[in-house]
Amino acid sequence: MSFPIAILASGNGTNAQAMIDKMQAGILDIDIVLIASNNPQAKVLERAQKAGIAHLVLDHHTFQKREQYDQALLASVLEHKAQAVVLAGYMRLLSGSFLKGFPGQVLNLHPALLPSFPGLHGARDAMDYGVKLTGATVHFVNEIMDNGPVIIQAAVPVKDGEDEEALLTRIHAMEHRIYPQAVQWLATGRLSLNGRRVALASATIAKAPAPEAALIWPPLEAGF
């Protein structure tokens, strides 16, 4: 039986699309029961409609308080019977009251190697600092921005002379692989938490080849 998840997104939704594609290909053991956005103009809503997935707009500007918004969002997610929540470019911090509804079941993706360079512009901040490696991190969500326990990371080199857009293109390519992989691990019950350490239960599954010029750990499995 497929694991029901809700996706929250505020913009283009390319990571949501990566999950839709892998779900439809039978690679991900999930059922995306809802895609919700705080942005009425978000392209992710078009992606949901095209895929025949239930979608919802809750414009945060119509709520006076964050708690009120999150309670309405939580009610919608629970109404659709989701068992986990995946943030895919969702540009709002979730309150503790929302997170209590899904303990240990909310994931996020950040375009840098946490705990370095949290915040809205992870890749840009990494470039400005002059690092030689950056990348992407999938982590559990807590009440602090980009602070939860790390599930999987992919490192990519920062090439001399490239701009932020070029770097982000290579980071996004890794995101579209590691995020679905992390969701699959969650969906199949293979992740466990011990403080800040995330353990991955082993499985006899063929490993996918590592992409050129990237380090991913834990390793990707076949199909990702």
N, C-alpha and C. Protein backbone atom coordinates (compact mmCIF):
# COMPACT_ATOMS: atom_id res chain seq x y z
N MET A 1 0.85 -1.20 0.00
CA MET A 1 0.00 0.00 0.00
C MET A 1 0.88 1.24 0.00
N SER A 2 0.56 2.20 -0.84
CA SER A 2 1.37 3.41 -0.97
C SER A 2 1.23 4.30 0.26
N PHE A 3 2.32 4.98 0.59
CA PHE A 3 2.40 5.84 1.76
C PHE A 3 1.88 7.23 1.39
N PRO A 4 0.84 7.73 2.05
CA PRO A 4 0.24 9.02 1.66
C PRO A 4 1.01 10.21 2.19
N ILE A 5 1.39 11.12 1.33
CA ILE A 5 2.11 12.33 1.74
C ILE A 5 1.42 13.56 1.19
N ALA A 6 1.67 14.68 1.84
CA ALA A 6 1.27 16.00 1.34
C ALA A 6 2.54 16.77 1.03
N ILE A 7 2.52 17.53 -0.05
CA ILE A 7 3.64 18.39 -0.43
C ILE A 7 3.22 19.84 -0.24
N LEU A 8 4.07 20.62 0.43
CA LEU A 8 3.86 22.06 0.58
C LEU A 8 4.90 22.79 -0.24
N ALA A 9 4.47 23.72 -1.07
CA ALA A 9 5.40 24.43 -1.95
C ALA A 9 4.90 25.85 -2.18
N SER A 10 5.83 26.73 -2.48
CA SER A 10 5.48 28.14 -2.69
C SER A 10 5.77 28.64 -4.09
N GLY A 11 6.48 27.85 -4.90
CA GLY A 11 6.92 28.38 -6.18
C GLY A 11 6.81 27.42 -7.33
N ASN A 12 7.92 27.25 -8.04
CA ASN A 12 7.93 26.49 -9.29
C ASN A 12 7.59 25.02 -9.10
N GLY A 13 8.16 24.41 -8.07
CA GLY A 13 7.80 23.04 -7.76
C GLY A 13 8.54 21.98 -8.54
N THR A 14 9.82 22.22 -8.88
CA THR A 14 10.56 21.21 -9.64
C THR A 14 10.83 19.97 -8.80
N ASN A 15 11.05 20.14 -7.50
CA ASN A 15 11.24 18.97 -6.65
C ASN A 15 9.94 18.20 -6.47
N ALA A 16 8.83 18.91 -6.41
CA ALA A 16 7.54 18.23 -6.38
C ALA A 16 7.35 17.43 -7.67
N GLN A 17 7.76 18.02 -8.80
CA GLN A 17 7.63 17.32 -10.08
C GLN A 17 8.49 16.07 -10.11
N ALA A 18 9.69 16.13 -9.54
CA ALA A 18 10.55 14.95 -9.49
C ALA A 18 9.88 13.82 -8.74
N MET A 19 9.15 14.16 -7.68
CA MET A 19 8.45 13.13 -6.91
C MET A 19 7.23 12.61 -7.66
N ILE A 20 6.53 13.51 -8.33
CA ILE A 20 5.39 13.09 -9.15
C ILE A 20 5.86 12.11 -10.21
N ASP A 21 6.94 12.45 -10.89
CA ASP A 21 7.45 11.59 -11.96
C ASP A 21 7.83 10.21 -11.45
N LYS A 22 8.53 10.16 -10.31
CA LYS A 22 8.96 8.87 -9.77
C LYS A 22 7.79 8.09 -9.19
N MET A 23 6.81 8.78 -8.66
CA MET A 23 5.60 8.11 -8.20
C MET A 23 4.87 7.47 -9.37
N GLN A 24 4.71 8.22 -10.44
CA GLN A 24 3.99 7.71 -11.61
C GLN A 24 4.76 6.59 -12.31
N ALA A 25 6.08 6.59 -12.16
CA ALA A 25 6.91 5.53 -12.76
C ALA A 25 6.97 4.29 -11.87
N GLY A 26 6.36 4.34 -10.69
CA GLY A 26 6.37 3.20 -9.80
C GLY A 26 7.64 3.04 -9.01
N ILE A 27 8.48 4.08 -8.98
CA ILE A 27 9.75 4.03 -8.25
C ILE A 27 9.53 4.40 -6.78
N LEU A 28 8.67 5.39 -6.54
CA LEU A 28 8.37 5.83 -5.18
C LEU A 28 7.10 5.14 -4.68
N ASP A 29 7.18 4.57 -3.49
CA ASP A 29 6.02 3.91 -2.88
C ASP A 29 5.19 4.92 -2.09
N ILE A 30 4.74 5.96 -2.78
CA ILE A 30 3.97 7.02 -2.13
C ILE A 30 2.71 7.31 -2.92
N ASP A 31 1.80 7.98 -2.25
CA ASP A 31 0.62 8.54 -2.89
C ASP A 31 0.57 10.00 -2.48
N ILE A 32 0.78 10.90 -3.42
CA ILE A 32 0.71 12.33 -3.12
C ILE A 32 -0.76 12.70 -3.06
N VAL A 33 -1.28 12.86 -1.84
CA VAL A 33 -2.71 13.07 -1.66
C VAL A 33 -3.09 14.54 -1.71
N LEU A 34 -2.09 15.43 -1.59
CA LEU A 34 -2.37 16.86 -1.61
C LEU A 34 -1.10 17.63 -1.92
N ILE A 35 -1.22 18.64 -2.77
CA ILE A 35 -0.18 19.65 -2.93
C ILE A 35 -0.79 20.99 -2.55
N ALA A 36 -0.23 21.62 -1.52
CA ALA A 36 -0.78 22.87 -1.01
C ALA A 36 0.24 23.98 -1.13
N SER A 37 -0.24 25.19 -1.34
CA SER A 37 0.65 26.34 -1.50
C SER A 37 0.06 27.55 -0.79
N ASN A 38 0.95 28.39 -0.29
CA ASN A 38 0.54 29.68 0.27
C ASN A 38 0.50 30.76 -0.80
N ASN A 39 0.92 30.43 -2.02
CA ASN A 39 1.05 31.40 -3.10
C ASN A 39 0.07 31.07 -4.23
N PRO A 40 -0.94 31.91 -4.43
CA PRO A 40 -1.93 31.62 -5.48
C PRO A 40 -1.33 31.53 -6.89
N GLN A 41 -0.15 32.11 -7.11
CA GLN A 41 0.46 32.11 -8.43
C GLN A 41 1.52 31.01 -8.59
N ALA A 42 1.66 30.15 -7.64
CA ALA A 42 2.73 29.14 -7.68
C ALA A 42 2.50 28.16 -8.83
N LYS A 43 3.55 27.93 -9.61
CA LYS A 43 3.46 27.01 -10.74
C LYS A 43 3.24 25.57 -10.29
N VAL A 44 3.62 25.27 -9.05
CA VAL A 44 3.42 23.91 -8.55
C VAL A 44 1.95 23.51 -8.60
N LEU A 45 1.05 24.48 -8.51
CA LEU A 45 -0.38 24.18 -8.58
C LEU A 45 -0.77 23.67 -9.97
N GLU A 46 -0.14 24.23 -11.00
CA GLU A 46 -0.36 23.74 -12.36
C GLU A 46 0.16 22.31 -12.50
N ARG A 47 1.30 22.04 -11.90
CA ARG A 47 1.86 20.70 -11.95
C ARG A 47 0.91 19.70 -11.29
N ALA A 48 0.34 20.09 -10.16
CA ALA A 48 -0.60 19.22 -9.46
C ALA A 48 -1.84 18.95 -10.31
N GLN A 49 -2.36 20.01 -10.91
CA GLN A 49 -3.56 19.86 -11.75
C GLN A 49 -3.28 18.94 -12.93
N LYS A 50 -2.15 19.13 -13.58
CA LYS A 50 -1.79 18.29 -14.73
C LYS A 50 -1.66 16.83 -14.34
N ALA A 51 -1.18 16.58 -13.12
CA ALA A 51 -0.98 15.20 -12.66
C ALA A 51 -2.24 14.61 -12.04
N GLY A 52 -3.29 15.41 -11.94
CA GLY A 52 -4.53 14.92 -11.34
C GLY A 52 -4.45 14.76 -9.83
N ILE A 53 -3.64 15.60 -9.19
CA ILE A 53 -3.45 15.54 -7.74
C ILE A 53 -4.25 16.66 -7.08
N ALA A 54 -4.91 16.34 -5.99
CA ALA A 54 -5.66 17.35 -5.25
C ALA A 54 -4.73 18.48 -4.85
N HIS A 55 -5.17 19.72 -5.03
CA HIS A 55 -4.32 20.87 -4.71
C HIS A 55 -5.15 21.97 -4.05
N LEU A 56 -4.45 22.79 -3.31
CA LEU A 56 -5.11 23.77 -2.46
C LEU A 56 -4.26 25.01 -2.32
N VAL A 57 -4.90 26.17 -2.36
CA VAL A 57 -4.23 27.43 -2.05
C VAL A 57 -4.77 27.96 -0.73
N LEU A 58 -3.84 28.21 0.19
CA LEU A 58 -4.17 28.91 1.43
C LEU A 58 -3.26 30.14 1.48
N ASP A 59 -3.78 31.27 1.05
CA ASP A 59 -2.98 32.50 0.99
C ASP A 59 -2.74 33.00 2.41
N HIS A 60 -1.47 33.03 2.83
CA HIS A 60 -1.18 33.42 4.21
C HIS A 60 -1.53 34.88 4.48
N HIS A 61 -1.65 35.68 3.43
CA HIS A 61 -1.99 37.09 3.63
C HIS A 61 -3.42 37.27 4.14
N THR A 62 -4.24 36.25 4.02
CA THR A 62 -5.64 36.35 4.46
C THR A 62 -5.81 35.93 5.92
N PHE A 63 -4.71 35.60 6.60
CA PHE A 63 -4.76 35.20 8.00
C PHE A 63 -4.02 36.25 8.84
N GLN A 64 -4.56 36.56 10.01
CA GLN A 64 -3.95 37.57 10.86
C GLN A 64 -2.73 37.04 11.59
N LYS A 65 -2.74 35.76 11.95
CA LYS A 65 -1.65 35.21 12.73
C LYS A 65 -1.13 33.92 12.10
N ARG A 66 0.16 33.67 12.28
CA ARG A 66 0.77 32.46 11.73
C ARG A 66 0.12 31.20 12.28
N GLU A 67 -0.20 31.20 13.57
CA GLU A 67 -0.82 30.03 14.18
C GLU A 67 -2.16 29.71 13.52
N GLN A 68 -2.93 30.74 13.20
CA GLN A 68 -4.22 30.53 12.54
C GLN A 68 -4.01 29.89 11.17
N TYR A 69 -3.03 30.40 10.46
CA TYR A 69 -2.74 29.84 9.15
C TYR A 69 -2.32 28.39 9.25
N ASP A 70 -1.41 28.10 10.16
CA ASP A 70 -0.90 26.73 10.27
C ASP A 70 -1.98 25.77 10.74
N GLN A 71 -2.89 26.23 11.57
CA GLN A 71 -3.98 25.36 11.99
C GLN A 71 -4.90 25.02 10.82
N ALA A 72 -5.17 26.00 9.97
CA ALA A 72 -5.99 25.74 8.78
C ALA A 72 -5.27 24.81 7.82
N LEU A 73 -3.96 25.01 7.66
CA LEU A 73 -3.17 24.14 6.80
C LEU A 73 -3.13 22.72 7.35
N LEU A 74 -2.91 22.59 8.64
CA LEU A 74 -2.87 21.28 9.27
C LEU A 74 -4.19 20.55 9.08
N ALA A 75 -5.30 21.26 9.26
CA ALA A 75 -6.61 20.65 9.10
C ALA A 75 -6.80 20.11 7.68
N SER A 76 -6.33 20.86 6.69
CA SER A 76 -6.46 20.42 5.30
C SER A 76 -5.60 19.19 5.03
N VAL A 77 -4.37 19.19 5.55
CA VAL A 77 -3.49 18.05 5.34
C VAL A 77 -4.06 16.80 6.00
N LEU A 78 -4.57 16.95 7.21
CA LEU A 78 -5.16 15.80 7.91
C LEU A 78 -6.42 15.32 7.21
N GLU A 79 -7.17 16.25 6.66
CA GLU A 79 -8.40 15.88 5.94
C GLU A 79 -8.09 14.97 4.76
N HIS A 80 -6.94 15.16 4.15
CA HIS A 80 -6.54 14.34 3.00
C HIS A 80 -5.80 13.07 3.41
N LYS A 81 -5.72 12.81 4.72
CA LYS A 81 -5.19 11.54 5.25
C LYS A 81 -3.69 11.37 5.00
N ALA A 82 -2.95 12.47 4.88
CA ALA A 82 -1.50 12.36 4.72
C ALA A 82 -0.89 11.85 6.02
N GLN A 83 0.17 11.06 5.88
CA GLN A 83 0.91 10.56 7.04
C GLN A 83 2.27 11.24 7.18
N ALA A 84 2.66 12.03 6.20
CA ALA A 84 3.91 12.78 6.26
C ALA A 84 3.77 14.02 5.39
N VAL A 85 4.64 14.99 5.66
CA VAL A 85 4.60 16.26 4.93
C VAL A 85 5.98 16.53 4.37
N VAL A 86 6.03 16.87 3.09
CA VAL A 86 7.28 17.13 2.38
C VAL A 86 7.28 18.59 1.91
N LEU A 87 8.26 19.35 2.36
CA LEU A 87 8.38 20.76 1.96
C LEU A 87 9.25 20.84 0.71
N ALA A 88 8.69 21.42 -0.33
CA ALA A 88 9.40 21.52 -1.61
C ALA A 88 9.42 22.98 -2.05
N GLY A 89 10.37 23.72 -1.50
CA GLY A 89 10.41 25.15 -1.78
C GLY A 89 9.27 25.88 -1.09
N TYR A 90 8.96 25.46 0.13
CA TYR A 90 7.90 26.11 0.91
C TYR A 90 8.55 27.22 1.73
N MET A 91 8.17 28.47 1.47
CA MET A 91 8.91 29.62 1.97
C MET A 91 8.33 30.18 3.26
N ARG A 92 7.87 29.28 4.12
CA ARG A 92 7.38 29.69 5.43
C ARG A 92 7.86 28.70 6.49
N LEU A 93 8.14 29.23 7.68
CA LEU A 93 8.47 28.37 8.80
C LEU A 93 7.19 27.75 9.36
N LEU A 94 7.22 26.46 9.61
CA LEU A 94 6.07 25.80 10.22
C LEU A 94 6.13 25.98 11.73
N SER A 95 4.99 26.25 12.32
CA SER A 95 4.91 26.44 13.76
C SER A 95 4.96 25.10 14.49
N GLY A 96 5.23 25.19 15.78
CA GLY A 96 5.26 23.99 16.60
C GLY A 96 3.94 23.25 16.61
N SER A 97 2.84 23.99 16.55
CA SER A 97 1.53 23.33 16.57
C SER A 97 1.32 22.48 15.32
N PHE A 98 1.83 22.93 14.18
CA PHE A 98 1.74 22.11 12.97
C PHE A 98 2.63 20.89 13.09
N LEU A 99 3.86 21.10 13.52
CA LEU A 99 4.82 19.99 13.59
C LEU A 99 4.38 18.92 14.57
N LYS A 100 3.66 19.30 15.62
CA LYS A 100 3.16 18.31 16.57
C LYS A 100 2.15 17.36 15.91
N GLY A 101 1.54 17.81 14.83
CA GLY A 101 0.60 16.95 14.11
C GLY A 101 1.29 15.87 13.31
N PHE A 102 2.60 16.05 13.04
CA PHE A 102 3.37 15.08 12.25
C PHE A 102 4.76 14.89 12.88
N PRO A 103 4.83 14.36 14.09
CA PRO A 103 6.14 14.23 14.75
C PRO A 103 7.07 13.31 13.98
N GLY A 104 8.26 13.84 13.64
CA GLY A 104 9.23 13.05 12.91
C GLY A 104 8.81 12.67 11.51
N GLN A 105 7.86 13.40 10.95
CA GLN A 105 7.32 13.03 9.64
C GLN A 105 7.26 14.23 8.69
N VAL A 106 8.09 15.24 8.93
CA VAL A 106 8.15 16.41 8.05
C VAL A 106 9.58 16.55 7.54
N LEU A 107 9.74 16.60 6.22
CA LEU A 107 11.05 16.70 5.59
C LEU A 107 11.19 18.03 4.86
N ASN A 108 12.43 18.49 4.74
CA ASN A 108 12.73 19.70 3.99
C ASN A 108 14.03 19.50 3.21
N LEU A 109 14.20 20.32 2.20
CA LEU A 109 15.40 20.31 1.38
C LEU A 109 16.02 21.70 1.42
N HIS A 110 17.36 21.76 1.54
CA HIS A 110 18.06 23.04 1.56
C HIS A 110 19.23 23.00 0.58
N PRO A 111 19.42 24.07 -0.23
CA PRO A 111 20.48 24.06 -1.26
C PRO A 111 21.85 24.47 -0.73
N ALA A 112 22.32 23.76 0.29
CA ALA A 112 23.67 23.93 0.82
C ALA A 112 23.93 22.74 1.74
N LEU A 113 25.16 22.62 2.18
CA LEU A 113 25.54 21.53 3.07
C LEU A 113 25.39 22.00 4.51
N LEU A 114 24.21 21.78 5.08
CA LEU A 114 23.96 22.17 6.46
C LEU A 114 24.90 21.43 7.40
N PRO A 115 25.28 22.07 8.51
CA PRO A 115 24.72 23.31 9.07
C PRO A 115 25.29 24.60 8.49
N SER A 116 26.13 24.52 7.47
CA SER A 116 26.64 25.74 6.84
C SER A 116 25.57 26.39 5.96
N PHE A 117 25.52 27.70 5.98
CA PHE A 117 24.73 28.53 5.06
C PHE A 117 23.23 28.21 5.09
N PRO A 118 22.61 28.26 6.27
CA PRO A 118 21.15 28.16 6.33
C PRO A 118 20.51 29.44 5.80
N GLY A 119 19.20 29.41 5.63
CA GLY A 119 18.49 30.61 5.20
C GLY A 119 18.09 30.57 3.75
N LEU A 120 17.62 31.71 3.25
CA LEU A 120 16.97 31.77 1.94
C LEU A 120 17.93 31.59 0.77
N HIS A 121 19.22 31.92 0.94
CA HIS A 121 20.14 31.95 -0.19
C HIS A 121 21.38 31.10 0.09
N GLY A 122 21.15 29.82 0.34
CA GLY A 122 22.25 28.94 0.72
C GLY A 122 23.35 28.87 -0.30
N ALA A 123 22.99 28.68 -1.58
CA ALA A 123 24.00 28.56 -2.63
C ALA A 123 24.76 29.87 -2.81
N ARG A 124 24.05 30.98 -2.82
CA ARG A 124 24.69 32.29 -2.99
C ARG A 124 25.64 32.58 -1.84
N ASP A 125 25.19 32.28 -0.62
CA ASP A 125 26.02 32.54 0.55
C ASP A 125 27.28 31.68 0.51
N ALA A 126 27.14 30.44 0.05
CA ALA A 126 28.30 29.55 -0.05
C ALA A 126 29.30 30.10 -1.06
N MET A 127 28.81 30.56 -2.21
CA MET A 127 29.69 31.14 -3.23
C MET A 127 30.39 32.39 -2.69
N ASP A 128 29.63 33.26 -2.03
CA ASP A 128 30.20 34.50 -1.52
C ASP A 128 31.28 34.23 -0.47
N TYR A 129 31.12 33.14 0.26
CA TYR A 129 32.11 32.78 1.28
C TYR A 129 33.39 32.23 0.67
N GLY A 130 33.26 31.69 -0.54
CA GLY A 130 34.42 31.16 -1.23
C GLY A 130 34.68 29.69 -1.00
N VAL A 131 33.64 28.92 -0.67
CA VAL A 131 33.84 27.49 -0.44
C VAL A 131 34.18 26.78 -1.75
N LYS A 132 34.78 25.62 -1.65
CA LYS A 132 35.11 24.81 -2.81
C LYS A 132 34.06 23.72 -3.06
N LEU A 133 33.29 23.37 -2.01
CA LEU A 133 32.21 22.40 -2.13
C LEU A 133 30.96 22.95 -1.48
N THR A 134 29.85 22.75 -2.14
CA THR A 134 28.54 23.04 -1.54
C THR A 134 27.62 21.90 -1.97
N GLY A 135 26.32 22.11 -1.95
CA GLY A 135 25.46 21.00 -2.37
C GLY A 135 24.05 21.13 -1.87
N ALA A 136 23.48 20.03 -1.42
CA ALA A 136 22.08 20.01 -0.98
C ALA A 136 21.94 19.05 0.20
N THR A 137 20.98 19.37 1.07
CA THR A 137 20.72 18.59 2.28
C THR A 137 19.24 18.33 2.42
N VAL A 138 18.88 17.08 2.68
CA VAL A 138 17.52 16.74 3.08
C VAL A 138 17.55 16.46 4.58
N HIS A 139 16.63 17.08 5.29
CA HIS A 139 16.65 16.95 6.75
C HIS A 139 15.23 16.92 7.31
N PHE A 140 15.12 16.38 8.52
CA PHE A 140 13.86 16.48 9.25
C PHE A 140 13.67 17.94 9.68
N VAL A 141 12.42 18.32 9.85
CA VAL A 141 12.10 19.71 10.19
C VAL A 141 11.81 19.85 11.68
N ASN A 142 12.40 20.87 12.29
CA ASN A 142 11.99 21.29 13.63
C ASN A 142 11.61 22.76 13.57
N GLU A 143 11.48 23.39 14.73
CA GLU A 143 10.96 24.76 14.76
C GLU A 143 12.01 25.81 14.39
N ILE A 144 13.27 25.40 14.21
CA ILE A 144 14.33 26.33 13.84
C ILE A 144 14.66 26.14 12.36
N MET A 145 14.82 27.25 11.64
CA MET A 145 15.06 27.18 10.20
C MET A 145 16.31 26.36 9.88
N ASP A 146 16.15 25.36 9.00
CA ASP A 146 17.27 24.57 8.46
C ASP A 146 18.12 23.96 9.57
N ASN A 147 17.47 23.46 10.60
CA ASN A 147 18.18 23.01 11.79
C ASN A 147 18.00 21.52 12.09
N GLY A 148 17.02 20.86 11.48
CA GLY A 148 16.69 19.50 11.87
C GLY A 148 17.73 18.47 11.47
N PRO A 149 17.64 17.25 12.03
CA PRO A 149 18.61 16.19 11.76
C PRO A 149 18.73 15.86 10.27
N VAL A 150 19.96 15.65 9.83
CA VAL A 150 20.27 15.43 8.41
C VAL A 150 20.00 13.98 8.02
N ILE A 151 19.34 13.81 6.87
CA ILE A 151 19.03 12.48 6.34
C ILE A 151 20.01 12.09 5.24
N ILE A 152 20.22 12.97 4.28
CA ILE A 152 21.11 12.68 3.15
C ILE A 152 21.65 14.01 2.62
N GLN A 153 22.90 13.98 2.15
CA GLN A 153 23.50 15.16 1.56
C GLN A 153 24.21 14.80 0.26
N ALA A 154 24.23 15.76 -0.66
CA ALA A 154 24.98 15.64 -1.91
C ALA A 154 25.89 16.84 -2.03
N ALA A 155 27.17 16.59 -2.26
CA ALA A 155 28.14 17.67 -2.40
C ALA A 155 28.51 17.84 -3.87
N VAL A 156 28.61 19.10 -4.30
CA VAL A 156 29.06 19.40 -5.66
C VAL A 156 30.14 20.48 -5.57
N PRO A 157 31.08 20.49 -6.51
CA PRO A 157 32.13 21.52 -6.49
C PRO A 157 31.60 22.87 -6.93
N VAL A 158 32.18 23.91 -6.39
CA VAL A 158 31.92 25.27 -6.86
C VAL A 158 33.00 25.60 -7.88
N LYS A 159 32.61 25.76 -9.11
CA LYS A 159 33.58 25.94 -10.19
C LYS A 159 33.99 27.39 -10.33
N ASP A 160 35.26 27.61 -10.60
CA ASP A 160 35.77 28.96 -10.79
C ASP A 160 35.05 29.65 -11.94
N GLY A 161 34.61 30.86 -11.69
CA GLY A 161 34.03 31.67 -12.75
C GLY A 161 32.55 31.46 -13.01
N GLU A 162 31.92 30.44 -12.39
CA GLU A 162 30.50 30.23 -12.65
C GLU A 162 29.65 31.17 -11.80
N ASP A 163 28.43 31.45 -12.27
CA ASP A 163 27.55 32.31 -11.51
C ASP A 163 26.59 31.47 -10.67
N GLU A 164 25.77 32.14 -9.90
CA GLU A 164 24.86 31.45 -8.99
C GLU A 164 23.88 30.57 -9.76
N GLU A 165 23.39 31.03 -10.88
CA GLU A 165 22.43 30.25 -11.65
C GLU A 165 23.04 28.93 -12.12
N ALA A 166 24.28 28.97 -12.59
CA ALA A 166 24.94 27.75 -13.05
C ALA A 166 25.14 26.77 -11.90
N LEU A 167 25.56 27.30 -10.75
CA LEU A 167 25.73 26.44 -9.58
C LEU A 167 24.40 25.84 -9.15
N LEU A 168 23.36 26.64 -9.11
CA LEU A 168 22.05 26.14 -8.69
C LEU A 168 21.52 25.07 -9.64
N THR A 169 21.83 25.20 -10.93
CA THR A 169 21.40 24.18 -11.88
C THR A 169 21.98 22.82 -11.52
N ARG A 170 23.25 22.80 -11.14
CA ARG A 170 23.88 21.53 -10.76
C ARG A 170 23.39 21.04 -9.40
N ILE A 171 23.13 21.98 -8.49
CA ILE A 171 22.57 21.58 -7.19
C ILE A 171 21.18 21.00 -7.36
N HIS A 172 20.36 21.65 -8.21
CA HIS A 172 18.99 21.16 -8.42
C HIS A 172 18.99 19.74 -8.99
N ALA A 173 19.95 19.45 -9.86
CA ALA A 173 20.02 18.09 -10.42
C ALA A 173 20.23 17.06 -9.32
N MET A 174 21.01 17.41 -8.31
CA MET A 174 21.21 16.51 -7.17
C MET A 174 19.98 16.46 -6.29
N GLU A 175 19.34 17.60 -6.10
CA GLU A 175 18.12 17.65 -5.30
C GLU A 175 17.06 16.69 -5.83
N HIS A 176 16.93 16.66 -7.16
CA HIS A 176 15.89 15.84 -7.77
C HIS A 176 16.17 14.35 -7.63
N ARG A 177 17.36 14.02 -7.17
CA ARG A 177 17.70 12.61 -6.90
C ARG A 177 17.64 12.30 -5.40
N ILE A 178 18.24 13.16 -4.58
CA ILE A 178 18.32 12.81 -3.17
C ILE A 178 17.00 13.01 -2.43
N TYR A 179 16.18 13.98 -2.87
CA TYR A 179 14.93 14.22 -2.14
C TYR A 179 13.95 13.06 -2.32
N PRO A 180 13.69 12.61 -3.56
CA PRO A 180 12.84 11.42 -3.69
C PRO A 180 13.40 10.21 -2.94
N GLN A 181 14.74 10.06 -2.94
CA GLN A 181 15.33 8.94 -2.21
C GLN A 181 15.00 9.02 -0.72
N ALA A 182 15.16 10.20 -0.13
CA ALA A 182 14.84 10.36 1.28
C ALA A 182 13.37 10.09 1.57
N VAL A 183 12.51 10.55 0.67
CA VAL A 183 11.07 10.31 0.85
C VAL A 183 10.78 8.81 0.78
N GLN A 184 11.45 8.11 -0.12
CA GLN A 184 11.26 6.66 -0.21
C GLN A 184 11.69 5.96 1.08
N TRP A 185 12.82 6.38 1.63
CA TRP A 185 13.26 5.81 2.90
C TRP A 185 12.23 6.05 4.00
N LEU A 186 11.67 7.25 4.04
CA LEU A 186 10.65 7.55 5.04
C LEU A 186 9.40 6.70 4.81
N ALA A 187 8.99 6.62 3.55
CA ALA A 187 7.76 5.89 3.21
C ALA A 187 7.85 4.41 3.55
N THR A 188 9.05 3.86 3.46
CA THR A 188 9.22 2.43 3.70
C THR A 188 9.70 2.13 5.11
N GLY A 189 9.66 3.14 5.98
CA GLY A 189 9.95 2.94 7.39
C GLY A 189 11.40 2.64 7.72
N ARG A 190 12.32 3.14 6.89
CA ARG A 190 13.73 2.79 7.08
C ARG A 190 14.54 3.86 7.81
N LEU A 191 13.89 4.96 8.20
CA LEU A 191 14.60 6.02 8.92
C LEU A 191 14.23 5.98 10.40
N SER A 192 15.23 6.15 11.25
CA SER A 192 14.98 6.25 12.68
C SER A 192 15.87 7.34 13.26
N LEU A 193 15.37 8.00 14.31
CA LEU A 193 16.05 9.13 14.92
C LEU A 193 16.58 8.77 16.29
N ASN A 194 17.83 9.17 16.56
CA ASN A 194 18.42 9.06 17.89
C ASN A 194 19.11 10.39 18.17
N GLY A 195 18.38 11.29 18.81
CA GLY A 195 18.88 12.65 18.97
C GLY A 195 18.96 13.32 17.61
N ARG A 196 20.18 13.79 17.26
CA ARG A 196 20.36 14.42 15.95
C ARG A 196 20.83 13.43 14.89
N ARG A 197 21.04 12.20 15.27
CA ARG A 197 21.53 11.21 14.31
C ARG A 197 20.38 10.47 13.66
N VAL A 198 20.44 10.38 12.33
CA VAL A 198 19.43 9.64 11.57
C VAL A 198 20.05 8.34 11.11
N ALA A 199 19.44 7.23 11.49
CA ALA A 199 19.92 5.91 11.07
C ALA A 199 19.07 5.42 9.91
N LEU A 200 19.74 4.77 8.95
CA LEU A 200 19.06 4.20 7.79
C LEU A 200 19.17 2.68 7.87
N ALA A 201 18.02 2.02 7.93
CA ALA A 201 18.01 0.57 7.96
C ALA A 201 18.54 0.04 6.64
N SER A 202 19.39 -0.98 6.72
CA SER A 202 19.99 -1.54 5.51
C SER A 202 18.95 -2.33 4.74
N ALA A 203 19.23 -2.51 3.46
CA ALA A 203 18.37 -3.32 2.60
C ALA A 203 19.21 -3.85 1.46
N THR A 204 18.84 -4.99 0.95
CA THR A 204 19.59 -5.59 -0.16
C THR A 204 19.05 -5.03 -1.47
N ILE A 205 19.37 -3.77 -1.71
CA ILE A 205 18.90 -3.06 -2.89
C ILE A 205 20.13 -2.59 -3.67
N ALA A 206 20.12 -2.80 -4.97
CA ALA A 206 21.25 -2.39 -5.80
C ALA A 206 21.46 -0.88 -5.69
N LYS A 207 22.71 -0.48 -5.63
CA LYS A 207 23.05 0.93 -5.54
C LYS A 207 23.14 1.56 -6.92
N ALA A 208 22.69 2.81 -7.00
CA ALA A 208 22.80 3.57 -8.24
C ALA A 208 24.21 4.12 -8.36
N PRO A 209 24.73 4.28 -9.57
CA PRO A 209 26.06 4.87 -9.73
C PRO A 209 26.05 6.32 -9.28
N ALA A 210 27.13 6.74 -8.64
CA ALA A 210 27.23 8.13 -8.20
C ALA A 210 27.38 9.03 -9.42
N PRO A 211 26.68 10.16 -9.46
CA PRO A 211 26.84 11.07 -10.59
C PRO A 211 28.24 11.64 -10.62
N GLU A 212 28.67 12.02 -11.80
CA GLU A 212 30.01 12.56 -11.97
C GLU A 212 30.18 13.83 -11.13
N ALA A 213 31.35 13.93 -10.51
CA ALA A 213 31.71 15.13 -9.74
C ALA A 213 30.74 15.42 -8.62
N ALA A 214 30.24 14.39 -7.96
CA ALA A 214 29.36 14.59 -6.81
C ALA A 214 29.59 13.48 -5.81
N LEU A 215 29.45 13.81 -4.55
CA LEU A 215 29.48 12.82 -3.48
C LEU A 215 28.13 12.84 -2.80
N ILE A 216 27.48 11.68 -2.72
CA ILE A 216 26.19 11.57 -2.07
C ILE A 216 26.31 10.53 -0.96
N TRP A 217 25.83 10.91 0.24
CA TRP A 217 25.86 9.96 1.35
C TRP A 217 24.65 10.17 2.25
N PRO A 218 23.97 9.07 2.62
CA PRO A 218 24.16 7.67 2.19
C PRO A 218 23.98 7.51 0.68
N PRO A 219 24.50 6.41 0.13
CA PRO A 219 24.44 6.24 -1.33
C PRO A 219 23.00 6.11 -1.83
N LEU A 220 22.79 6.59 -3.04
CA LEU A 220 21.50 6.40 -3.70
C LEU A 220 21.29 4.95 -4.05
N GLU A 221 20.03 4.57 -4.12
CA GLU A 221 19.69 3.22 -4.53
C GLU A 221 19.18 3.21 -5.96
N ALA A 222 19.05 2.06 -6.55
CA ALA A 222 18.65 1.94 -7.95
C ALA A 222 17.33 2.67 -8.18
N GLY A 223 17.26 3.40 -9.27
CA GLY A 223 16.06 4.16 -9.61
C GLY A 223 16.14 5.61 -9.25
N PHE A 224 17.15 5.97 -8.44
CA PHE A 224 17.28 7.35 -8.00
C PHE A 224 18.56 7.99 -8.53
